[in-house]
Amino acid sequence: MVDVRENHEVKSGILPDAVHIPMGQLPARWEELAEANEIVCYCAAGMRSLDTAAFLRTKGLFNATSLEGGISAWRAIGGETPKPSSASQ
């Protein structure tokens, strides 16, 4: 899971075990995801994560997808979103 939201958005909670890479940092950091078996990107509602998954696929990471509805949809079905530790922000 890759959270592409901005730092101020992540303070409200993040999916368990997600990696936080703000969308604007992806052009410089996308290679951090190169070894992942599966990449599911998410944002607040799903639009940024769609763009992010498309960008990653242009880099050859064809296993990149987007979480439909983003973290909002995840929360709506009762999914956990613990607040991140200060070290991971």
PDB file of N, CA and C in Angstrom:
ATOM      1  N   MET A   1       0.849  -1.169   0.000  1.00  0.00           N
ATOM      2  CA  MET A   1       0.000   0.000   0.000  1.00  0.00           C
ATOM      3  C   MET A   1       0.898   1.237   0.000  1.00  0.00           C
ATOM      4  N   VAL A   2       0.554   2.189  -0.842  1.00  0.00           N
ATOM      5  CA  VAL A   2       1.306   3.436  -0.946  1.00  0.00           C
ATOM      6  C   VAL A   2       0.340   4.598  -0.765  1.00  0.00           C
ATOM      7  N   ASP A   3       0.540   5.344   0.297  1.00  0.00           N
ATOM      8  CA  ASP A   3      -0.277   6.523   0.577  1.00  0.00           C
ATOM      9  C   ASP A   3       0.357   7.704  -0.144  1.00  0.00           C
ATOM     10  N   VAL A   4      -0.372   8.294  -1.092  1.00  0.00           N
ATOM     11  CA  VAL A   4       0.178   9.394  -1.880  1.00  0.00           C
ATOM     12  C   VAL A   4      -0.347  10.753  -1.433  1.00  0.00           C
ATOM     13  N   ARG A   5      -1.009  10.792  -0.280  1.00  0.00           N
ATOM     14  CA  ARG A   5      -1.528  12.059   0.241  1.00  0.00           C
ATOM     15  C   ARG A   5      -0.396  12.933   0.781  1.00  0.00           C
ATOM     16  N   GLU A   6      -0.713  14.183   0.992  1.00  0.00           N
ATOM     17  CA  GLU A   6       0.243  15.137   1.546  1.00  0.00           C
ATOM     18  C   GLU A   6       0.444  14.876   3.044  1.00  0.00           C
ATOM     19  N   ASN A   7       1.541  15.394   3.590  1.00  0.00           N
ATOM     20  CA  ASN A   7       1.876  15.171   5.004  1.00  0.00           C
ATOM     21  C   ASN A   7       0.742  15.566   5.937  1.00  0.00           C
ATOM     22  N   HIS A   8       0.103  16.707   5.696  1.00  0.00           N
ATOM     23  CA  HIS A   8      -0.964  17.149   6.600  1.00  0.00           C
ATOM     24  C   HIS A   8      -2.180  16.222   6.551  1.00  0.00           C
ATOM     25  N   GLU A   9      -2.397  15.527   5.446  1.00  0.00           N
ATOM     26  CA  GLU A   9      -3.515  14.586   5.342  1.00  0.00           C
ATOM     27  C   GLU A   9      -3.236  13.298   6.098  1.00  0.00           C
ATOM     28  N   VAL A  10      -1.991  12.872   6.099  1.00  0.00           N
ATOM     29  CA  VAL A  10      -1.602  11.610   6.725  1.00  0.00           C
ATOM     30  C   VAL A  10      -1.744  11.666   8.245  1.00  0.00           C
ATOM     31  N   LYS A  11      -1.652  12.851   8.810  1.00  0.00           N
ATOM     32  CA  LYS A  11      -1.756  12.992  10.268  1.00  0.00           C
ATOM     33  C   LYS A  11      -3.065  12.444  10.815  1.00  0.00           C
ATOM     34  N   SER A  12      -4.121  12.388   9.991  1.00  0.00           N
ATOM     35  CA  SER A  12      -5.420  11.886  10.449  1.00  0.00           C
ATOM     36  C   SER A  12      -5.477  10.363  10.489  1.00  0.00           C
ATOM     37  N   GLY A  13      -4.492   9.703   9.890  1.00  0.00           N
ATOM     38  CA  GLY A  13      -4.457   8.247   9.886  1.00  0.00           C
ATOM     39  C   GLY A  13      -3.984   7.710   8.555  1.00  0.00           C
ATOM     40  N   ILE A  14      -3.451   6.489   8.603  1.00  0.00           N
ATOM     41  CA  ILE A  14      -2.862   5.838   7.431  1.00  0.00           C
ATOM     42  C   ILE A  14      -3.222   4.361   7.494  1.00  0.00           C
ATOM     43  N   LEU A  15      -3.330   3.708   6.350  1.00  0.00           N
ATOM     44  CA  LEU A  15      -3.621   2.279   6.358  1.00  0.00           C
ATOM     45  C   LEU A  15      -2.452   1.524   6.984  1.00  0.00           C
ATOM     46  N   PRO A  16      -2.752   0.467   7.734  1.00  0.00           N
ATOM     47  CA  PRO A  16      -1.684  -0.307   8.369  1.00  0.00           C
ATOM     48  C   PRO A  16      -0.642  -0.795   7.355  1.00  0.00           C
ATOM     49  N   ASP A  17       0.610  -0.638   7.692  1.00  0.00           N
ATOM     50  CA  ASP A  17       1.759  -1.078   6.892  1.00  0.00           C
ATOM     51  C   ASP A  17       1.938  -0.332   5.563  1.00  0.00           C
ATOM     52  N   ALA A  18       1.224   0.775   5.377  1.00  0.00           N
ATOM     53  CA  ALA A  18       1.384   1.545   4.143  1.00  0.00           C
ATOM     54  C   ALA A  18       2.687   2.339   4.175  1.00  0.00           C
ATOM     55  N   VAL A  19       3.208   2.593   2.992  1.00  0.00           N
ATOM     56  CA  VAL A  19       4.368   3.452   2.803  1.00  0.00           C
ATOM     57  C   VAL A  19       3.831   4.813   2.381  1.00  0.00           C
ATOM     58  N   HIS A  20       4.338   5.878   2.989  1.00  0.00           N
ATOM     59  CA  HIS A  20       3.885   7.222   2.632  1.00  0.00           C
ATOM     60  C   HIS A  20       4.890   7.872   1.690  1.00  0.00           C
ATOM     61  N   ILE A  21       4.450   8.103   0.460  1.00  0.00           N
ATOM     62  CA  ILE A  21       5.231   8.846  -0.521  1.00  0.00           C
ATOM     63  C   ILE A  21       4.272   9.852  -1.154  1.00  0.00           C
ATOM     64  N   PRO A  22       4.320  11.114  -0.750  1.00  0.00           N
ATOM     65  CA  PRO A  22       3.426  12.100  -1.354  1.00  0.00           C
ATOM     66  C   PRO A  22       3.549  12.090  -2.877  1.00  0.00           C
ATOM     67  N   MET A  23       2.433  12.288  -3.547  1.00  0.00           N
ATOM     68  CA  MET A  23       2.396  12.216  -5.006  1.00  0.00           C
ATOM     69  C   MET A  23       3.468  13.092  -5.648  1.00  0.00           C
ATOM     70  N   GLY A  24       3.687  14.271  -5.129  1.00  0.00           N
ATOM     71  CA  GLY A  24       4.681  15.174  -5.698  1.00  0.00           C
ATOM     72  C   GLY A  24       6.105  14.667  -5.593  1.00  0.00           C
ATOM     73  N   GLN A  25       6.354  13.718  -4.686  1.00  0.00           N
ATOM     74  CA  GLN A  25       7.694  13.149  -4.527  1.00  0.00           C
ATOM     75  C   GLN A  25       7.913  11.891  -5.362  1.00  0.00           C
ATOM     76  N   LEU A  26       6.854  11.384  -5.954  1.00  0.00           N
ATOM     77  CA  LEU A  26       6.960  10.121  -6.686  1.00  0.00           C
ATOM     78  C   LEU A  26       7.957  10.127  -7.837  1.00  0.00           C
ATOM     79  N   PRO A  27       8.053  11.205  -8.631  1.00  0.00           N
ATOM     80  CA  PRO A  27       9.050  11.171  -9.706  1.00  0.00           C
ATOM     81  C   PRO A  27      10.477  10.917  -9.206  1.00  0.00           C
ATOM     82  N   ALA A  28      10.784  11.349  -8.003  1.00  0.00           N
ATOM     83  CA  ALA A  28      12.121  11.150  -7.443  1.00  0.00           C
ATOM     84  C   ALA A  28      12.239   9.865  -6.621  1.00  0.00           C
ATOM     85  N   ARG A  29      11.095   9.280  -6.213  1.00  0.00           N
ATOM     86  CA  ARG A  29      11.148   8.156  -5.278  1.00  0.00           C
ATOM     87  C   ARG A  29      10.506   6.871  -5.786  1.00  0.00           C
ATOM     88  N   TRP A  30      10.010   6.846  -7.013  1.00  0.00           N
ATOM     89  CA  TRP A  30       9.263   5.689  -7.496  1.00  0.00           C
ATOM     90  C   TRP A  30      10.067   4.393  -7.434  1.00  0.00           C
ATOM     91  N   GLU A  31      11.381   4.479  -7.567  1.00  0.00           N
ATOM     92  CA  GLU A  31      12.206   3.264  -7.567  1.00  0.00           C
ATOM     93  C   GLU A  31      12.175   2.540  -6.220  1.00  0.00           C
ATOM     94  N   GLU A  32      11.758   3.230  -5.157  1.00  0.00           N
ATOM     95  CA  GLU A  32      11.603   2.575  -3.846  1.00  0.00           C
ATOM     96  C   GLU A  32      10.559   1.461  -3.913  1.00  0.00           C
ATOM     97  N   LEU A  33       9.697   1.506  -4.910  1.00  0.00           N
ATOM     98  CA  LEU A  33       8.610   0.538  -5.040  1.00  0.00           C
ATOM     99  C   LEU A  33       8.911  -0.568  -6.047  1.00  0.00           C
ATOM    100  N   ALA A  34      10.060  -0.512  -6.691  1.00  0.00           N
ATOM    101  CA  ALA A  34      10.382  -1.402  -7.808  1.00  0.00           C
ATOM    102  C   ALA A  34      10.354  -2.888  -7.445  1.00  0.00           C
ATOM    103  N   GLU A  35      10.650  -3.242  -6.228  1.00  0.00           N
ATOM    104  CA  GLU A  35      10.713  -4.651  -5.831  1.00  0.00           C
ATOM    105  C   GLU A  35       9.408  -5.182  -5.240  1.00  0.00           C
ATOM    106  N   ALA A  36       8.377  -4.348  -5.169  1.00  0.00           N
ATOM    107  CA  ALA A  36       7.106  -4.773  -4.568  1.00  0.00           C
ATOM    108  C   ALA A  36       6.388  -5.770  -5.464  1.00  0.00           C
ATOM    109  N   ASN A  37       5.789  -6.784  -4.857  1.00  0.00           N
ATOM    110  CA  ASN A  37       5.009  -7.768  -5.617  1.00  0.00           C
ATOM    111  C   ASN A  37       3.709  -7.168  -6.129  1.00  0.00           C
ATOM    112  N   GLU A  38       3.122  -6.308  -5.325  1.00  0.00           N
ATOM    113  CA  GLU A  38       1.872  -5.643  -5.678  1.00  0.00           C
ATOM    114  C   GLU A  38       1.920  -4.230  -5.118  1.00  0.00           C
ATOM    115  N   ILE A  39       1.427  -3.271  -5.876  1.00  0.00           N
ATOM    116  CA  ILE A  39       1.404  -1.878  -5.433  1.00  0.00           C
ATOM    117  C   ILE A  39      -0.027  -1.381  -5.516  1.00  0.00           C
ATOM    118  N   VAL A  40      -0.593  -1.033  -4.368  1.00  0.00           N
ATOM    119  CA  VAL A  40      -1.921  -0.446  -4.331  1.00  0.00           C
ATOM    120  C   VAL A  40      -1.760   0.972  -3.805  1.00  0.00           C
ATOM    121  N   CYS A  41      -2.046   1.937  -4.656  1.00  0.00           N
ATOM    122  CA  CYS A  41      -1.922   3.346  -4.300  1.00  0.00           C
ATOM    123  C   CYS A  41      -3.255   3.838  -3.760  1.00  0.00           C
ATOM    124  N   TYR A  42      -3.189   4.762  -2.807  1.00  0.00           N
ATOM    125  CA  TYR A  42      -4.430   5.375  -2.340  1.00  0.00           C
ATOM    126  C   TYR A  42      -4.192   6.808  -1.920  1.00  0.00           C
ATOM    127  N   CYS A  43      -5.283   7.571  -1.964  1.00  0.00           N
ATOM    128  CA  CYS A  43      -5.276   8.973  -1.542  1.00  0.00           C
ATOM    129  C   CYS A  43      -6.562   9.192  -0.752  1.00  0.00           C
ATOM    130  N   ALA A  44      -7.079  10.392  -0.759  1.00  0.00           N
ATOM    131  CA  ALA A  44      -8.300  10.669   0.000  1.00  0.00           C
ATOM    132  C   ALA A  44      -9.527  10.040  -0.655  1.00  0.00           C
ATOM    133  N   ALA A  45      -9.701  10.258  -1.962  1.00  0.00           N
ATOM    134  CA  ALA A  45     -10.910   9.783  -2.631  1.00  0.00           C
ATOM    135  C   ALA A  45     -10.655   8.935  -3.872  1.00  0.00           C
ATOM    136  N   GLY A  46      -9.424   8.852  -4.343  1.00  0.00           N
ATOM    137  CA  GLY A  46      -9.108   7.967  -5.446  1.00  0.00           C
ATOM    138  C   GLY A  46      -8.571   8.611  -6.709  1.00  0.00           C
ATOM    139  N   MET A  47      -8.669   9.912  -6.854  1.00  0.00           N
ATOM    140  CA  MET A  47      -8.208  10.542  -8.102  1.00  0.00           C
ATOM    141  C   MET A  47      -6.679  10.604  -8.202  1.00  0.00           C
ATOM    142  N   ARG A  48      -6.020  11.066  -7.161  1.00  0.00           N
ATOM    143  CA  ARG A  48      -4.554  11.129  -7.190  1.00  0.00           C
ATOM    144  C   ARG A  48      -3.941   9.748  -7.301  1.00  0.00           C
ATOM    145  N   SER A  49      -4.553   8.772  -6.652  1.00  0.00           N
ATOM    146  CA  SER A  49      -3.996   7.421  -6.706  1.00  0.00           C
ATOM    147  C   SER A  49      -4.150   6.808  -8.097  1.00  0.00           C
ATOM    148  N   LEU A  50      -5.216   7.152  -8.819  1.00  0.00           N
ATOM    149  CA  LEU A  50      -5.340   6.701 -10.212  1.00  0.00           C
ATOM    150  C   LEU A  50      -4.197   7.246 -11.050  1.00  0.00           C
ATOM    151  N   ASP A  51      -3.915   8.544 -10.889  1.00  0.00           N
ATOM    152  CA  ASP A  51      -2.810   9.163 -11.623  1.00  0.00           C
ATOM    153  C   ASP A  51      -1.473   8.549 -11.225  1.00  0.00           C
ATOM    154  N   THR A  52      -1.316   8.276  -9.938  1.00  0.00           N
ATOM    155  CA  THR A  52      -0.074   7.688  -9.446  1.00  0.00           C
ATOM    156  C   THR A  52       0.141   6.292 -10.015  1.00  0.00           C
ATOM    157  N   ALA A  53      -0.897   5.461  -9.992  1.00  0.00           N
ATOM    158  CA  ALA A  53      -0.777   4.108 -10.538  1.00  0.00           C
ATOM    159  C   ALA A  53      -0.427   4.160 -12.022  1.00  0.00           C
ATOM    160  N   ALA A  54      -1.050   5.086 -12.753  1.00  0.00           N
ATOM    161  CA  ALA A  54      -0.740   5.237 -14.176  1.00  0.00           C
ATOM    162  C   ALA A  54       0.719   5.648 -14.367  1.00  0.00           C
ATOM    163  N   PHE A  55       1.197   6.578 -13.543  1.00  0.00           N
ATOM    164  CA  PHE A  55       2.603   6.996 -13.620  1.00  0.00           C
ATOM    165  C   PHE A  55       3.534   5.810 -13.367  1.00  0.00           C
ATOM    166  N   LEU A  56       3.252   5.033 -12.331  1.00  0.00           N
ATOM    167  CA  LEU A  56       4.108   3.891 -12.006  1.00  0.00           C
ATOM    168  C   LEU A  56       4.124   2.867 -13.135  1.00  0.00           C
ATOM    169  N   ARG A  57       2.996   2.678 -13.796  1.00  0.00           N
ATOM    170  CA  ARG A  57       2.960   1.747 -14.924  1.00  0.00           C
ATOM    171  C   ARG A  57       3.836   2.256 -16.080  1.00  0.00           C
ATOM    172  N   THR A  58       3.921   3.577 -16.257  1.00  0.00           N
ATOM    173  CA  THR A  58       4.813   4.101 -17.306  1.00  0.00           C
ATOM    174  C   THR A  58       6.268   3.809 -16.982  1.00  0.00           C
ATOM    175  N   LYS A  59       6.562   3.579 -15.716  1.00  0.00           N
ATOM    176  CA  LYS A  59       7.924   3.249 -15.289  1.00  0.00           C
ATOM    177  C   LYS A  59       8.175   1.745 -15.295  1.00  0.00           C
ATOM    178  N   GLY A  60       7.194   0.978 -15.770  1.00  0.00           N
ATOM    179  CA  GLY A  60       7.356  -0.468 -15.851  1.00  0.00           C
ATOM    180  C   GLY A  60       6.827  -1.234 -14.662  1.00  0.00           C
ATOM    181  N   LEU A  61       6.204  -0.553 -13.716  1.00  0.00           N
ATOM    182  CA  LEU A  61       5.648  -1.234 -12.542  1.00  0.00           C
ATOM    183  C   LEU A  61       4.182  -1.559 -12.845  1.00  0.00           C
ATOM    184  N   PHE A  62       3.987  -2.599 -13.647  1.00  0.00           N
ATOM    185  CA  PHE A  62       2.661  -2.933 -14.150  1.00  0.00           C
ATOM    186  C   PHE A  62       1.747  -3.530 -13.091  1.00  0.00           C
ATOM    187  N   ASN A  63       2.276  -3.757 -11.901  1.00  0.00           N
ATOM    188  CA  ASN A  63       1.490  -4.279 -10.793  1.00  0.00           C
ATOM    189  C   ASN A  63       0.871  -3.151  -9.956  1.00  0.00           C
ATOM    190  N   ALA A  64       0.925  -1.909 -10.433  1.00  0.00           N
ATOM    191  CA  ALA A  64       0.393  -0.763  -9.696  1.00  0.00           C
ATOM    192  C   ALA A  64      -1.084  -0.555 -10.009  1.00  0.00           C
ATOM    193  N   THR A  65      -1.884  -0.463  -8.955  1.00  0.00           N
ATOM    194  CA  THR A  65      -3.312  -0.202  -9.078  1.00  0.00           C
ATOM    195  C   THR A  65      -3.703   0.883  -8.088  1.00  0.00           C
ATOM    196  N   SER A  66      -4.983   1.256  -8.123  1.00  0.00           N
ATOM    197  CA  SER A  66      -5.499   2.296  -7.244  1.00  0.00           C
ATOM    198  C   SER A  66      -6.629   1.735  -6.393  1.00  0.00           C
ATOM    199  N   LEU A  67      -6.660   2.129  -5.122  1.00  0.00           N
ATOM    200  CA  LEU A  67      -7.743   1.736  -4.221  1.00  0.00           C
ATOM    201  C   LEU A  67      -8.961   2.585  -4.551  1.00  0.00           C
ATOM    202  N   GLU A  68      -9.988   1.963  -5.088  1.00  0.00           N
ATOM    203  CA  GLU A  68     -11.194   2.687  -5.486  1.00  0.00           C
ATOM    204  C   GLU A  68     -11.825   3.392  -4.282  1.00  0.00           C
ATOM    205  N   GLY A  69     -12.046   4.682  -4.426  1.00  0.00           N
ATOM    206  CA  GLY A  69     -12.662   5.457  -3.355  1.00  0.00           C
ATOM    207  C   GLY A  69     -11.699   5.961  -2.304  1.00  0.00           C
ATOM    208  N   GLY A  70     -10.438   5.544  -2.383  1.00  0.00           N
ATOM    209  CA  GLY A  70      -9.411   6.016  -1.464  1.00  0.00           C
ATOM    210  C   GLY A  70      -9.644   5.648  -0.015  1.00  0.00           C
ATOM    211  N   ILE A  71      -8.955   6.379   0.854  1.00  0.00           N
ATOM    212  CA  ILE A  71      -9.039   6.096   2.281  1.00  0.00           C
ATOM    213  C   ILE A  71     -10.438   6.395   2.820  1.00  0.00           C
ATOM    214  N   SER A  72     -11.168   7.283   2.153  1.00  0.00           N
ATOM    215  CA  SER A  72     -12.544   7.579   2.562  1.00  0.00           C
ATOM    216  C   SER A  72     -13.420   6.329   2.451  1.00  0.00           C
ATOM    217  N   ALA A  73     -13.292   5.604   1.343  1.00  0.00           N
ATOM    218  CA  ALA A  73     -14.060   4.378   1.160  1.00  0.00           C
ATOM    219  C   ALA A  73     -13.619   3.307   2.160  1.00  0.00           C
ATOM    220  N   TRP A  74     -12.313   3.238   2.406  1.00  0.00           N
ATOM    221  CA  TRP A  74     -11.774   2.284   3.377  1.00  0.00           C
ATOM    222  C   TRP A  74     -12.384   2.522   4.756  1.00  0.00           C
ATOM    223  N   ARG A  75     -12.419   3.783   5.174  1.00  0.00           N
ATOM    224  CA  ARG A  75     -12.998   4.121   6.467  1.00  0.00           C
ATOM    225  C   ARG A  75     -14.499   3.834   6.505  1.00  0.00           C
ATOM    226  N   ALA A  76     -15.184   4.064   5.390  1.00  0.00           N
ATOM    227  CA  ALA A  76     -16.634   3.854   5.324  1.00  0.00           C
ATOM    228  C   ALA A  76     -17.020   2.398   5.569  1.00  0.00           C
ATOM    229  N   ILE A  77     -16.128   1.460   5.224  1.00  0.00           N
ATOM    230  CA  ILE A  77     -16.433   0.045   5.470  1.00  0.00           C
ATOM    231  C   ILE A  77     -15.835  -0.443   6.790  1.00  0.00           C
ATOM    232  N   GLY A  78     -15.332   0.491   7.587  1.00  0.00           N
ATOM    233  CA  GLY A  78     -14.805   0.138   8.903  1.00  0.00           C
ATOM    234  C   GLY A  78     -13.334  -0.195   8.942  1.00  0.00           C
ATOM    235  N   GLY A  79     -12.601   0.125   7.882  1.00  0.00           N
ATOM    236  CA  GLY A  79     -11.169  -0.166   7.843  1.00  0.00           C
ATOM    237  C   GLY A  79     -10.391   0.687   8.833  1.00  0.00           C
ATOM    238  N   GLU A  80      -9.333   0.114   9.369  1.00  0.00           N
ATOM    239  CA  GLU A  80      -8.485   0.814  10.338  1.00  0.00           C
ATOM    240  C   GLU A  80      -7.619   1.860   9.655  1.00  0.00           C
ATOM    241  N   THR A  81      -7.422   2.985  10.329  1.00  0.00           N
ATOM    242  CA  THR A  81      -6.499   4.020   9.865  1.00  0.00           C
ATOM    243  C   THR A  81      -5.786   4.613  11.078  1.00  0.00           C
ATOM    244  N   PRO A  82      -4.854   3.852  11.661  1.00  0.00           N
ATOM    245  CA  PRO A  82      -4.132   4.360  12.821  1.00  0.00           C
ATOM    246  C   PRO A  82      -3.311   5.598  12.485  1.00  0.00           C
ATOM    247  N   LYS A  83      -3.133   6.447  13.467  1.00  0.00           N
ATOM    248  CA  LYS A  83      -2.299   7.629  13.286  1.00  0.00           C
ATOM    249  C   LYS A  83      -0.848   7.168  13.194  1.00  0.00           C
ATOM    250  N   PRO A  84      -0.097   7.740  12.237  1.00  0.00           N
ATOM    251  CA  PRO A  84       1.304   7.329  12.063  1.00  0.00           C
ATOM    252  C   PRO A  84       2.177   7.817  13.206  1.00  0.00           C
ATOM    253  N   SER A  85       3.270   7.093  13.417  1.00  0.00           N
ATOM    254  CA  SER A  85       4.249   7.562  14.396  1.00  0.00           C
ATOM    255  C   SER A  85       4.953   8.772  13.801  1.00  0.00           C
ATOM    256  N   SER A  86       5.515   9.612  14.618  1.00  0.00           N
ATOM    257  CA  SER A  86       6.199  10.809  14.115  1.00  0.00           C
ATOM    258  C   SER A  86       7.380  10.443  13.233  1.00  0.00           C
ATOM    259  N   ALA A  87       7.954   9.265  13.415  1.00  0.00           N
ATOM    260  CA  ALA A  87       9.090   8.844  12.601  1.00  0.00           C
ATOM    261  C   ALA A  87       8.703   8.568  11.157  1.00  0.00           C
ATOM    262  N   SER A  88       7.437   8.193  10.914  1.00  0.00           N
ATOM    263  CA  SER A  88       7.037   7.827   9.556  1.00  0.00           C
ATOM    264  C   SER A  88       6.385   8.966   8.792  1.00  0.00           C
ATOM    265  N   GLN A  89       6.287  10.148   9.390  1.00  0.00           N
ATOM    266  CA  GLN A  89       5.641  11.266   8.716  1.00  0.00           C
ATOM    267  C   GLN A  89       6.561  12.002   7.813  1.00  0.00           C
TER     268      GLN A  89
END
